[in-house]
């Protein structure tokens, strides 16, 4: 998915999110850890004002490097 949503996660909200997107096999999920500093945060903000694909643009494009 390419929705940029920031919210605290609890066990219940995690399960609700998995159900919302019909995830049947948690083995299909991939974890990514990224470091977000001032420059990266501003890149995310800028992309959110100009794009509907913020996460793809920032995390898979050249905007940020994975940790």
C-alpha atoms as a PDB file:
ATOM      1  CA  UNK A   1       0.000   0.000   0.000  1.00  0.00           C
ATOM      2  CA  UNK A   2       1.115   3.526  -0.503  1.00  0.00           C
ATOM      3  CA  UNK A   3      -0.891   5.353   2.150  1.00  0.00           C
ATOM      4  CA  UNK A   4       1.102   7.603   4.465  1.00  0.00           C
ATOM      5  CA  UNK A   5      -0.491   7.238   7.902  1.00  0.00           C
ATOM      6  CA  UNK A   6       1.238   7.902  11.215  1.00  0.00           C
ATOM      7  CA  UNK A   7      -0.432   6.474  14.316  1.00  0.00           C
ATOM      8  CA  UNK A   8       0.496   4.535  17.435  1.00  0.00           C
ATOM      9  CA  UNK A   9       0.239   0.791  16.956  1.00  0.00           C
ATOM     10  CA  UNK A  10      -1.213  -1.633  19.455  1.00  0.00           C
ATOM     11  CA  UNK A  11      -1.836  -5.343  19.028  1.00  0.00           C
ATOM     12  CA  UNK A  12      -5.512  -4.706  18.305  1.00  0.00           C
ATOM     13  CA  UNK A  13      -4.809  -1.959  15.748  1.00  0.00           C
ATOM     14  CA  UNK A  14      -2.248  -4.227  14.057  1.00  0.00           C
ATOM     15  CA  UNK A  15      -4.775  -7.055  13.740  1.00  0.00           C
ATOM     16  CA  UNK A  16      -7.417  -4.610  12.489  1.00  0.00           C
ATOM     17  CA  UNK A  17      -5.009  -3.301   9.837  1.00  0.00           C
ATOM     18  CA  UNK A  18      -4.139  -6.835   8.686  1.00  0.00           C
ATOM     19  CA  UNK A  19      -7.853  -7.664   8.396  1.00  0.00           C
ATOM     20  CA  UNK A  20      -8.559  -4.399   6.545  1.00  0.00           C
ATOM     21  CA  UNK A  21      -6.106  -5.355   3.811  1.00  0.00           C
ATOM     22  CA  UNK A  22      -7.120  -9.048   3.803  1.00  0.00           C
ATOM     23  CA  UNK A  23      -3.668 -10.313   4.776  1.00  0.00           C
ATOM     24  CA  UNK A  24      -4.028 -14.085   5.063  1.00  0.00           C
ATOM     25  CA  UNK A  25      -0.384 -15.096   5.440  1.00  0.00           C
ATOM     26  CA  UNK A  26       1.829 -12.932   7.666  1.00  0.00           C
ATOM     27  CA  UNK A  27       4.803 -14.554   5.952  1.00  0.00           C
ATOM     28  CA  UNK A  28       4.004 -12.328   2.964  1.00  0.00           C
ATOM     29  CA  UNK A  29       4.796  -9.209   5.006  1.00  0.00           C
ATOM     30  CA  UNK A  30       8.193  -7.548   4.905  1.00  0.00           C
ATOM     31  CA  UNK A  31       9.720  -5.424   7.655  1.00  0.00           C
ATOM     32  CA  UNK A  32      11.774  -2.363   6.775  1.00  0.00           C
ATOM     33  CA  UNK A  33      13.681  -0.254   9.265  1.00  0.00           C
ATOM     34  CA  UNK A  34      14.558   3.253   8.156  1.00  0.00           C
ATOM     35  CA  UNK A  35      16.247   6.145   9.886  1.00  0.00           C
ATOM     36  CA  UNK A  36      14.431   9.449   9.551  1.00  0.00           C
ATOM     37  CA  UNK A  37      16.341  12.639  10.240  1.00  0.00           C
ATOM     38  CA  UNK A  38      15.518  16.269   9.508  1.00  0.00           C
ATOM     39  CA  UNK A  39      16.372  16.042   5.792  1.00  0.00           C
ATOM     40  CA  UNK A  40      14.397  12.819   5.341  1.00  0.00           C
ATOM     41  CA  UNK A  41      11.429  14.197   7.296  1.00  0.00           C
ATOM     42  CA  UNK A  42      11.343  17.250   5.053  1.00  0.00           C
ATOM     43  CA  UNK A  43      11.518  14.983   1.981  1.00  0.00           C
ATOM     44  CA  UNK A  44       8.487  13.055   3.235  1.00  0.00           C
ATOM     45  CA  UNK A  45       6.613  16.291   3.900  1.00  0.00           C
ATOM     46  CA  UNK A  46       7.466  17.693   0.454  1.00  0.00           C
ATOM     47  CA  UNK A  47       6.472  14.449  -1.291  1.00  0.00           C
ATOM     48  CA  UNK A  48       3.168  14.353   0.606  1.00  0.00           C
ATOM     49  CA  UNK A  49       2.275  17.754  -0.842  1.00  0.00           C
ATOM     50  CA  UNK A  50       3.089  16.757  -4.429  1.00  0.00           C
ATOM     51  CA  UNK A  51       2.371  13.051  -4.734  1.00  0.00           C
ATOM     52  CA  UNK A  52      -0.196  10.348  -4.053  1.00  0.00           C
ATOM     53  CA  UNK A  53       2.617   7.749  -3.847  1.00  0.00           C
ATOM     54  CA  UNK A  54       4.661   9.218  -0.994  1.00  0.00           C
ATOM     55  CA  UNK A  55       6.001   5.982   0.457  1.00  0.00           C
ATOM     56  CA  UNK A  56       7.077   4.632  -2.922  1.00  0.00           C
ATOM     57  CA  UNK A  57       8.639   7.943  -3.900  1.00  0.00           C
ATOM     58  CA  UNK A  58      10.619   8.291  -0.667  1.00  0.00           C
ATOM     59  CA  UNK A  59      11.463   4.748   0.423  1.00  0.00           C
ATOM     60  CA  UNK A  60      11.887   3.054  -2.949  1.00  0.00           C
ATOM     61  CA  UNK A  61      13.111   6.092  -4.872  1.00  0.00           C
ATOM     62  CA  UNK A  62      16.294   7.986  -4.204  1.00  0.00           C
ATOM     63  CA  UNK A  63      14.814  10.084  -1.372  1.00  0.00           C
ATOM     64  CA  UNK A  64      15.959   7.924   1.567  1.00  0.00           C
ATOM     65  CA  UNK A  65      18.368   5.105   2.202  1.00  0.00           C
ATOM     66  CA  UNK A  66      17.383   2.047   4.205  1.00  0.00           C
ATOM     67  CA  UNK A  67      19.179   1.433   7.474  1.00  0.00           C
END
